[in-house]
Amino acid sequence: MTATELLGRYEAGERDFSRVVLLAADLTKANLSGINLRGADLRSTNLEETNFEGADLGGANLELANLRKSKLSGVVLSAANLRKANLRKSNLERADLRGANLRGGNLTKANLNGANLKWADLRNVDITGADLTDTNLDGAYLNGIIGLELG
């Protein structure tokens, strides 16, 4: 599937794109709120400033994806692969990231207020300046994390 095809079908009212393969595509500034991308393969895709509010990306492969300044509040990202993804300045408020692999990613200045990162892999993640208010880090792997201050 191409980015143009996905956007056209989304605009026509389709929301279920589970397990879609869309590698290195450009969906910059797209409105994909409420979309189902469960188990999708979106490696190296440019999703900068994309609106995913209320979407389901559980188990999706977003390795090396650019999600800078994206709207991900309330998004399901449980068990997603976000290894080396750029989430700088993204809004992940109340996002479900349980068991997600964020290893080597960039969460600088991200809003993680109320996010669930239980059992998430945050090794070597840069979290400098991120809002971690009410964030659940129970059982999260924090080795090598950059910028985390636990009071």
N, C-alpha and C. Protein backbone atom coordinates (compact mmCIF):
# COMPACT_ATOMS: atom_id res chain seq x y z
N MET A 1 0.84 -1.18 0.00
CA MET A 1 0.00 0.00 0.00
C MET A 1 0.89 1.24 0.00
N THR A 2 0.45 2.28 -0.67
CA THR A 2 1.18 3.55 -0.68
C THR A 2 0.54 4.51 0.31
N ALA A 3 1.27 5.56 0.65
CA ALA A 3 0.75 6.58 1.56
C ALA A 3 -0.48 7.25 0.94
N THR A 4 -0.45 7.51 -0.35
CA THR A 4 -1.57 8.14 -1.04
C THR A 4 -2.83 7.26 -0.97
N GLU A 5 -2.66 5.96 -1.16
CA GLU A 5 -3.78 5.04 -1.08
C GLU A 5 -4.36 5.00 0.33
N LEU A 6 -3.50 4.92 1.33
CA LEU A 6 -3.96 4.90 2.72
C LEU A 6 -4.74 6.17 3.03
N LEU A 7 -4.20 7.32 2.68
CA LEU A 7 -4.87 8.59 2.97
C LEU A 7 -6.21 8.69 2.25
N GLY A 8 -6.27 8.22 1.00
CA GLY A 8 -7.52 8.25 0.25
C GLY A 8 -8.59 7.37 0.88
N ARG A 9 -8.21 6.18 1.29
CA ARG A 9 -9.16 5.26 1.92
C ARG A 9 -9.59 5.78 3.29
N TYR A 10 -8.65 6.41 4.01
CA TYR A 10 -8.98 7.00 5.31
C TYR A 10 -10.00 8.13 5.11
N GLU A 11 -9.75 8.99 4.14
CA GLU A 11 -10.66 10.11 3.85
C GLU A 11 -12.05 9.61 3.46
N ALA A 12 -12.11 8.42 2.83
CA ALA A 12 -13.38 7.82 2.42
C ALA A 12 -14.11 7.16 3.59
N GLY A 13 -13.50 7.16 4.77
CA GLY A 13 -14.15 6.64 5.96
C GLY A 13 -13.60 5.34 6.51
N GLU A 14 -12.68 4.72 5.79
CA GLU A 14 -12.09 3.47 6.29
C GLU A 14 -11.15 3.77 7.45
N ARG A 15 -11.18 2.92 8.48
CA ARG A 15 -10.32 3.14 9.64
C ARG A 15 -9.46 1.93 9.96
N ASP A 16 -9.78 0.75 9.46
CA ASP A 16 -9.04 -0.46 9.81
C ASP A 16 -7.94 -0.74 8.79
N PHE A 17 -6.72 -0.44 9.20
CA PHE A 17 -5.54 -0.71 8.38
C PHE A 17 -4.57 -1.62 9.14
N SER A 18 -5.14 -2.50 9.97
CA SER A 18 -4.30 -3.39 10.75
C SER A 18 -3.43 -4.23 9.82
N ARG A 19 -2.20 -4.43 10.26
CA ARG A 19 -1.18 -5.23 9.56
C ARG A 19 -0.76 -4.69 8.19
N VAL A 20 -1.10 -3.44 7.90
CA VAL A 20 -0.66 -2.84 6.64
C VAL A 20 0.86 -2.69 6.64
N VAL A 21 1.46 -2.79 5.47
CA VAL A 21 2.90 -2.58 5.31
C VAL A 21 3.08 -1.28 4.54
N LEU A 22 3.77 -0.34 5.17
CA LEU A 22 3.97 0.99 4.59
C LEU A 22 5.35 1.47 5.02
N LEU A 23 6.39 1.05 4.30
CA LEU A 23 7.76 1.32 4.69
C LEU A 23 8.28 2.62 4.10
N ALA A 24 8.98 3.39 4.92
CA ALA A 24 9.64 4.63 4.50
C ALA A 24 8.70 5.57 3.75
N ALA A 25 7.43 5.58 4.13
CA ALA A 25 6.44 6.46 3.50
C ALA A 25 6.47 7.83 4.15
N ASP A 26 5.79 8.79 3.54
CA ASP A 26 5.70 10.14 4.09
C ASP A 26 4.24 10.47 4.39
N LEU A 27 3.93 10.53 5.66
CA LEU A 27 2.59 10.89 6.11
C LEU A 27 2.66 12.13 7.01
N THR A 28 3.58 13.02 6.71
CA THR A 28 3.77 14.24 7.48
C THR A 28 2.48 15.04 7.57
N LYS A 29 2.15 15.45 8.79
CA LYS A 29 1.00 16.31 9.09
C LYS A 29 -0.35 15.71 8.70
N ALA A 30 -0.42 14.39 8.56
CA ALA A 30 -1.69 13.74 8.23
C ALA A 30 -2.59 13.69 9.46
N ASN A 31 -3.90 13.69 9.24
CA ASN A 31 -4.86 13.49 10.31
C ASN A 31 -5.33 12.04 10.23
N LEU A 32 -4.84 11.21 11.16
CA LEU A 32 -5.18 9.80 11.21
C LEU A 32 -5.80 9.44 12.56
N SER A 33 -6.53 10.37 13.14
CA SER A 33 -7.14 10.12 14.45
C SER A 33 -8.11 8.95 14.35
N GLY A 34 -8.06 8.09 15.36
CA GLY A 34 -8.94 6.95 15.44
C GLY A 34 -8.62 5.80 14.50
N ILE A 35 -7.50 5.85 13.81
CA ILE A 35 -7.12 4.79 12.86
C ILE A 35 -6.67 3.53 13.60
N ASN A 36 -6.91 2.38 12.98
CA ASN A 36 -6.42 1.11 13.53
C ASN A 36 -5.23 0.66 12.69
N LEU A 37 -4.05 0.76 13.28
CA LEU A 37 -2.81 0.31 12.64
C LEU A 37 -2.16 -0.79 13.48
N ARG A 38 -2.99 -1.56 14.16
CA ARG A 38 -2.50 -2.65 15.02
C ARG A 38 -1.69 -3.63 14.17
N GLY A 39 -0.44 -3.87 14.61
CA GLY A 39 0.43 -4.82 13.93
C GLY A 39 0.97 -4.34 12.59
N ALA A 40 0.79 -3.07 12.28
CA ALA A 40 1.26 -2.52 11.01
C ALA A 40 2.78 -2.40 10.99
N ASP A 41 3.35 -2.44 9.80
CA ASP A 41 4.80 -2.27 9.63
C ASP A 41 5.04 -0.90 9.02
N LEU A 42 5.48 0.03 9.86
CA LEU A 42 5.69 1.42 9.47
C LEU A 42 7.14 1.84 9.68
N ARG A 43 8.04 0.91 9.51
CA ARG A 43 9.46 1.22 9.73
C ARG A 43 9.92 2.37 8.84
N SER A 44 10.71 3.26 9.43
CA SER A 44 11.34 4.39 8.75
C SER A 44 10.34 5.33 8.10
N THR A 45 9.10 5.32 8.55
CA THR A 45 8.07 6.20 7.99
C THR A 45 8.15 7.57 8.64
N ASN A 46 7.91 8.62 7.82
CA ASN A 46 7.90 9.99 8.33
C ASN A 46 6.48 10.33 8.75
N LEU A 47 6.27 10.43 10.05
CA LEU A 47 4.97 10.72 10.64
C LEU A 47 5.02 12.02 11.45
N GLU A 48 5.92 12.90 11.09
CA GLU A 48 6.11 14.15 11.82
C GLU A 48 4.82 14.97 11.81
N GLU A 49 4.45 15.45 13.00
CA GLU A 49 3.27 16.29 13.21
C GLU A 49 1.97 15.62 12.77
N THR A 50 1.93 14.28 12.78
CA THR A 50 0.73 13.54 12.41
C THR A 50 -0.19 13.41 13.63
N ASN A 51 -1.49 13.49 13.39
CA ASN A 51 -2.47 13.37 14.45
C ASN A 51 -2.97 11.93 14.53
N PHE A 52 -2.59 11.23 15.61
CA PHE A 52 -3.00 9.86 15.85
C PHE A 52 -3.92 9.75 17.07
N GLU A 53 -4.49 10.84 17.53
CA GLU A 53 -5.27 10.81 18.76
C GLU A 53 -6.34 9.72 18.70
N GLY A 54 -6.37 8.89 19.75
CA GLY A 54 -7.35 7.82 19.85
C GLY A 54 -7.09 6.63 18.94
N ALA A 55 -5.92 6.56 18.33
CA ALA A 55 -5.59 5.48 17.40
C ALA A 55 -5.09 4.23 18.13
N ASP A 56 -5.11 3.11 17.41
CA ASP A 56 -4.59 1.85 17.94
C ASP A 56 -3.39 1.44 17.09
N LEU A 57 -2.20 1.54 17.69
CA LEU A 57 -0.95 1.15 17.06
C LEU A 57 -0.28 0.02 17.85
N GLY A 58 -1.09 -0.71 18.58
CA GLY A 58 -0.58 -1.81 19.38
C GLY A 58 0.16 -2.83 18.52
N GLY A 59 1.37 -3.18 18.94
CA GLY A 59 2.17 -4.18 18.23
C GLY A 59 2.71 -3.70 16.89
N ALA A 60 2.55 -2.43 16.57
CA ALA A 60 3.05 -1.91 15.30
C ALA A 60 4.57 -1.80 15.33
N ASN A 61 5.19 -1.91 14.15
CA ASN A 61 6.63 -1.76 14.03
C ASN A 61 6.91 -0.35 13.51
N LEU A 62 7.38 0.51 14.41
CA LEU A 62 7.69 1.90 14.10
C LEU A 62 9.18 2.18 14.28
N GLU A 63 9.99 1.15 14.09
CA GLU A 63 11.43 1.31 14.24
C GLU A 63 11.93 2.39 13.28
N LEU A 64 12.74 3.31 13.81
CA LEU A 64 13.34 4.41 13.05
C LEU A 64 12.31 5.38 12.47
N ALA A 65 11.06 5.33 12.93
CA ALA A 65 10.04 6.25 12.44
C ALA A 65 10.25 7.64 13.03
N ASN A 66 9.86 8.65 12.27
CA ASN A 66 9.93 10.03 12.74
C ASN A 66 8.53 10.45 13.17
N LEU A 67 8.33 10.53 14.49
CA LEU A 67 7.04 10.94 15.05
C LEU A 67 7.18 12.28 15.78
N ARG A 68 8.15 13.06 15.38
CA ARG A 68 8.43 14.34 16.03
C ARG A 68 7.18 15.23 15.99
N LYS A 69 6.83 15.78 17.14
CA LYS A 69 5.69 16.68 17.32
C LYS A 69 4.35 16.06 16.94
N SER A 70 4.26 14.75 16.99
CA SER A 70 2.99 14.08 16.67
C SER A 70 2.04 14.09 17.86
N LYS A 71 0.75 14.01 17.56
CA LYS A 71 -0.29 13.96 18.57
C LYS A 71 -0.64 12.50 18.80
N LEU A 72 -0.22 11.99 19.94
CA LEU A 72 -0.41 10.58 20.28
C LEU A 72 -1.14 10.42 21.61
N SER A 73 -1.90 11.42 22.00
CA SER A 73 -2.59 11.33 23.28
C SER A 73 -3.68 10.26 23.22
N GLY A 74 -3.71 9.43 24.25
CA GLY A 74 -4.68 8.36 24.33
C GLY A 74 -4.46 7.22 23.36
N VAL A 75 -3.32 7.19 22.71
CA VAL A 75 -3.02 6.17 21.70
C VAL A 75 -2.57 4.87 22.35
N VAL A 76 -2.99 3.74 21.77
CA VAL A 76 -2.52 2.43 22.21
C VAL A 76 -1.26 2.11 21.42
N LEU A 77 -0.15 2.00 22.14
CA LEU A 77 1.14 1.62 21.57
C LEU A 77 1.74 0.45 22.34
N SER A 78 0.89 -0.32 23.01
CA SER A 78 1.37 -1.45 23.79
C SER A 78 2.05 -2.46 22.88
N ALA A 79 3.20 -2.94 23.34
CA ALA A 79 4.02 -3.93 22.61
C ALA A 79 4.48 -3.43 21.24
N ALA A 80 4.44 -2.13 21.01
CA ALA A 80 4.92 -1.57 19.74
C ALA A 80 6.44 -1.51 19.73
N ASN A 81 7.02 -1.62 18.55
CA ASN A 81 8.46 -1.48 18.39
C ASN A 81 8.74 -0.04 17.94
N LEU A 82 9.24 0.77 18.87
CA LEU A 82 9.60 2.16 18.60
C LEU A 82 11.10 2.34 18.75
N ARG A 83 11.84 1.28 18.49
CA ARG A 83 13.29 1.33 18.64
C ARG A 83 13.87 2.41 17.72
N LYS A 84 14.66 3.30 18.34
CA LYS A 84 15.33 4.41 17.65
C LYS A 84 14.36 5.35 16.95
N ALA A 85 13.12 5.40 17.42
CA ALA A 85 12.13 6.33 16.86
C ALA A 85 12.34 7.73 17.43
N ASN A 86 12.00 8.73 16.64
CA ASN A 86 12.09 10.11 17.07
C ASN A 86 10.71 10.57 17.53
N LEU A 87 10.56 10.73 18.85
CA LEU A 87 9.31 11.18 19.45
C LEU A 87 9.51 12.54 20.13
N ARG A 88 10.51 13.25 19.70
CA ARG A 88 10.84 14.56 20.28
C ARG A 88 9.63 15.50 20.19
N LYS A 89 9.27 16.09 21.33
CA LYS A 89 8.18 17.05 21.45
C LYS A 89 6.81 16.48 21.07
N SER A 90 6.67 15.16 21.11
CA SER A 90 5.37 14.54 20.82
C SER A 90 4.49 14.57 22.05
N ASN A 91 3.18 14.55 21.82
CA ASN A 91 2.22 14.50 22.91
C ASN A 91 1.75 13.06 23.09
N LEU A 92 2.26 12.41 24.13
CA LEU A 92 1.91 11.03 24.47
C LEU A 92 1.10 10.97 25.75
N GLU A 93 0.38 12.04 26.04
CA GLU A 93 -0.42 12.10 27.27
C GLU A 93 -1.42 10.95 27.31
N ARG A 94 -1.42 10.22 28.42
CA ARG A 94 -2.30 9.07 28.66
C ARG A 94 -2.14 7.95 27.62
N ALA A 95 -1.04 7.90 26.92
CA ALA A 95 -0.79 6.83 25.94
C ALA A 95 -0.48 5.52 26.65
N ASP A 96 -0.87 4.42 26.03
CA ASP A 96 -0.61 3.09 26.57
C ASP A 96 0.62 2.52 25.87
N LEU A 97 1.75 2.55 26.55
CA LEU A 97 3.03 2.08 26.01
C LEU A 97 3.52 0.85 26.77
N ARG A 98 2.61 0.10 27.35
CA ARG A 98 3.01 -1.08 28.13
C ARG A 98 3.77 -2.06 27.24
N GLY A 99 4.97 -2.41 27.69
CA GLY A 99 5.78 -3.39 26.99
C GLY A 99 6.35 -2.90 25.66
N ALA A 100 6.25 -1.62 25.39
CA ALA A 100 6.78 -1.08 24.13
C ALA A 100 8.31 -1.05 24.16
N ASN A 101 8.93 -1.22 23.00
CA ASN A 101 10.37 -1.12 22.86
C ASN A 101 10.71 0.26 22.33
N LEU A 102 11.23 1.11 23.22
CA LEU A 102 11.62 2.47 22.86
C LEU A 102 13.14 2.63 22.86
N ARG A 103 13.84 1.53 22.92
CA ARG A 103 15.29 1.51 23.09
C ARG A 103 15.99 2.39 22.05
N GLY A 104 16.84 3.29 22.57
CA GLY A 104 17.63 4.16 21.70
C GLY A 104 16.84 5.28 21.07
N GLY A 105 15.60 5.48 21.52
CA GLY A 105 14.75 6.52 20.93
C GLY A 105 14.96 7.89 21.54
N ASN A 106 14.25 8.85 20.99
CA ASN A 106 14.35 10.24 21.44
C ASN A 106 12.98 10.70 21.93
N LEU A 107 12.88 10.92 23.25
CA LEU A 107 11.66 11.43 23.86
C LEU A 107 11.91 12.81 24.49
N THR A 108 12.90 13.52 23.98
CA THR A 108 13.23 14.84 24.49
C THR A 108 12.02 15.76 24.41
N LYS A 109 11.70 16.39 25.53
CA LYS A 109 10.59 17.33 25.65
C LYS A 109 9.23 16.76 25.26
N ALA A 110 9.08 15.44 25.32
CA ALA A 110 7.79 14.80 25.03
C ALA A 110 6.86 14.95 26.23
N ASN A 111 5.57 14.97 25.97
CA ASN A 111 4.57 15.01 27.04
C ASN A 111 4.12 13.58 27.31
N LEU A 112 4.56 13.03 28.44
CA LEU A 112 4.20 11.67 28.85
C LEU A 112 3.30 11.69 30.08
N ASN A 113 2.62 12.80 30.29
CA ASN A 113 1.76 12.98 31.45
C ASN A 113 0.68 11.89 31.46
N GLY A 114 0.69 11.06 32.49
CA GLY A 114 -0.31 10.00 32.65
C GLY A 114 -0.12 8.81 31.74
N ALA A 115 1.01 8.74 31.03
CA ALA A 115 1.27 7.60 30.13
C ALA A 115 1.60 6.35 30.93
N ASN A 116 1.31 5.20 30.35
CA ASN A 116 1.61 3.92 30.98
C ASN A 116 2.79 3.27 30.27
N LEU A 117 3.95 3.29 30.92
CA LEU A 117 5.18 2.71 30.37
C LEU A 117 5.60 1.46 31.14
N LYS A 118 4.62 0.79 31.74
CA LYS A 118 4.92 -0.42 32.50
C LYS A 118 5.58 -1.45 31.59
N TRP A 119 6.71 -1.97 32.05
CA TRP A 119 7.51 -2.97 31.36
C TRP A 119 8.08 -2.49 30.02
N ALA A 120 8.04 -1.20 29.75
CA ALA A 120 8.61 -0.67 28.51
C ALA A 120 10.13 -0.70 28.56
N ASP A 121 10.75 -0.86 27.40
CA ASP A 121 12.21 -0.85 27.28
C ASP A 121 12.64 0.56 26.93
N LEU A 122 13.19 1.26 27.92
CA LEU A 122 13.64 2.64 27.74
C LEU A 122 15.17 2.75 27.80
N ARG A 123 15.84 1.65 27.56
CA ARG A 123 17.30 1.69 27.61
C ARG A 123 17.85 2.61 26.54
N ASN A 124 18.77 3.47 26.97
CA ASN A 124 19.46 4.43 26.10
C ASN A 124 18.52 5.42 25.41
N VAL A 125 17.39 5.70 26.04
CA VAL A 125 16.45 6.70 25.53
C VAL A 125 16.81 8.06 26.10
N ASP A 126 16.71 9.11 25.28
CA ASP A 126 16.90 10.47 25.77
C ASP A 126 15.53 11.03 26.14
N ILE A 127 15.35 11.28 27.43
CA ILE A 127 14.06 11.73 27.95
C ILE A 127 14.21 13.12 28.58
N THR A 128 15.28 13.82 28.20
CA THR A 128 15.58 15.14 28.74
C THR A 128 14.41 16.11 28.52
N GLY A 129 13.98 16.73 29.60
CA GLY A 129 12.92 17.74 29.52
C GLY A 129 11.53 17.19 29.29
N ALA A 130 11.36 15.88 29.35
CA ALA A 130 10.03 15.28 29.15
C ALA A 130 9.16 15.47 30.39
N ASP A 131 7.86 15.60 30.18
CA ASP A 131 6.91 15.70 31.29
C ASP A 131 6.49 14.29 31.68
N LEU A 132 6.93 13.86 32.86
CA LEU A 132 6.64 12.52 33.36
C LEU A 132 5.62 12.52 34.50
N THR A 133 4.83 13.57 34.60
CA THR A 133 3.82 13.67 35.65
C THR A 133 2.86 12.49 35.57
N ASP A 134 2.71 11.79 36.68
CA ASP A 134 1.79 10.64 36.77
C ASP A 134 2.08 9.53 35.75
N THR A 135 3.31 9.46 35.27
CA THR A 135 3.69 8.39 34.33
C THR A 135 4.00 7.12 35.10
N ASN A 136 3.48 5.99 34.61
CA ASN A 136 3.72 4.70 35.24
C ASN A 136 4.97 4.08 34.62
N LEU A 137 6.04 3.98 35.43
CA LEU A 137 7.30 3.39 34.99
C LEU A 137 7.57 2.06 35.70
N ASP A 138 6.55 1.45 36.26
CA ASP A 138 6.71 0.18 36.98
C ASP A 138 7.32 -0.88 36.06
N GLY A 139 8.43 -1.44 36.50
CA GLY A 139 9.07 -2.52 35.77
C GLY A 139 9.74 -2.11 34.47
N ALA A 140 9.78 -0.81 34.17
CA ALA A 140 10.41 -0.35 32.92
C ALA A 140 11.92 -0.53 33.00
N TYR A 141 12.52 -0.85 31.88
CA TYR A 141 13.98 -0.99 31.78
C TYR A 141 14.57 0.38 31.54
N LEU A 142 15.34 0.86 32.52
CA LEU A 142 15.83 2.23 32.49
C LEU A 142 17.36 2.34 32.35
N ASN A 143 18.05 1.25 32.10
CA ASN A 143 19.51 1.29 31.98
C ASN A 143 19.94 2.24 30.87
N GLY A 144 20.85 3.15 31.22
CA GLY A 144 21.40 4.07 30.23
C GLY A 144 20.47 5.18 29.81
N ILE A 145 19.34 5.33 30.50
CA ILE A 145 18.41 6.39 30.12
C ILE A 145 19.04 7.75 30.38
N ILE A 146 18.78 8.69 29.51
CA ILE A 146 19.40 10.01 29.58
C ILE A 146 18.35 11.04 30.02
N GLY A 147 18.67 11.79 31.05
CA GLY A 147 17.83 12.91 31.48
C GLY A 147 16.72 12.57 32.45
N LEU A 148 16.67 11.36 33.00
CA LEU A 148 15.62 10.98 33.94
C LEU A 148 16.05 11.34 35.35
N GLU A 149 15.21 12.11 36.02
CA GLU A 149 15.48 12.49 37.40
C GLU A 149 14.36 11.93 38.25
N LEU A 150 14.68 10.96 39.06
CA LEU A 150 13.69 10.38 39.97
C LEU A 150 13.87 11.01 41.35
N GLY A 151 12.79 11.57 41.87
CA GLY A 151 12.83 12.27 43.14
C GLY A 151 12.57 11.33 44.23
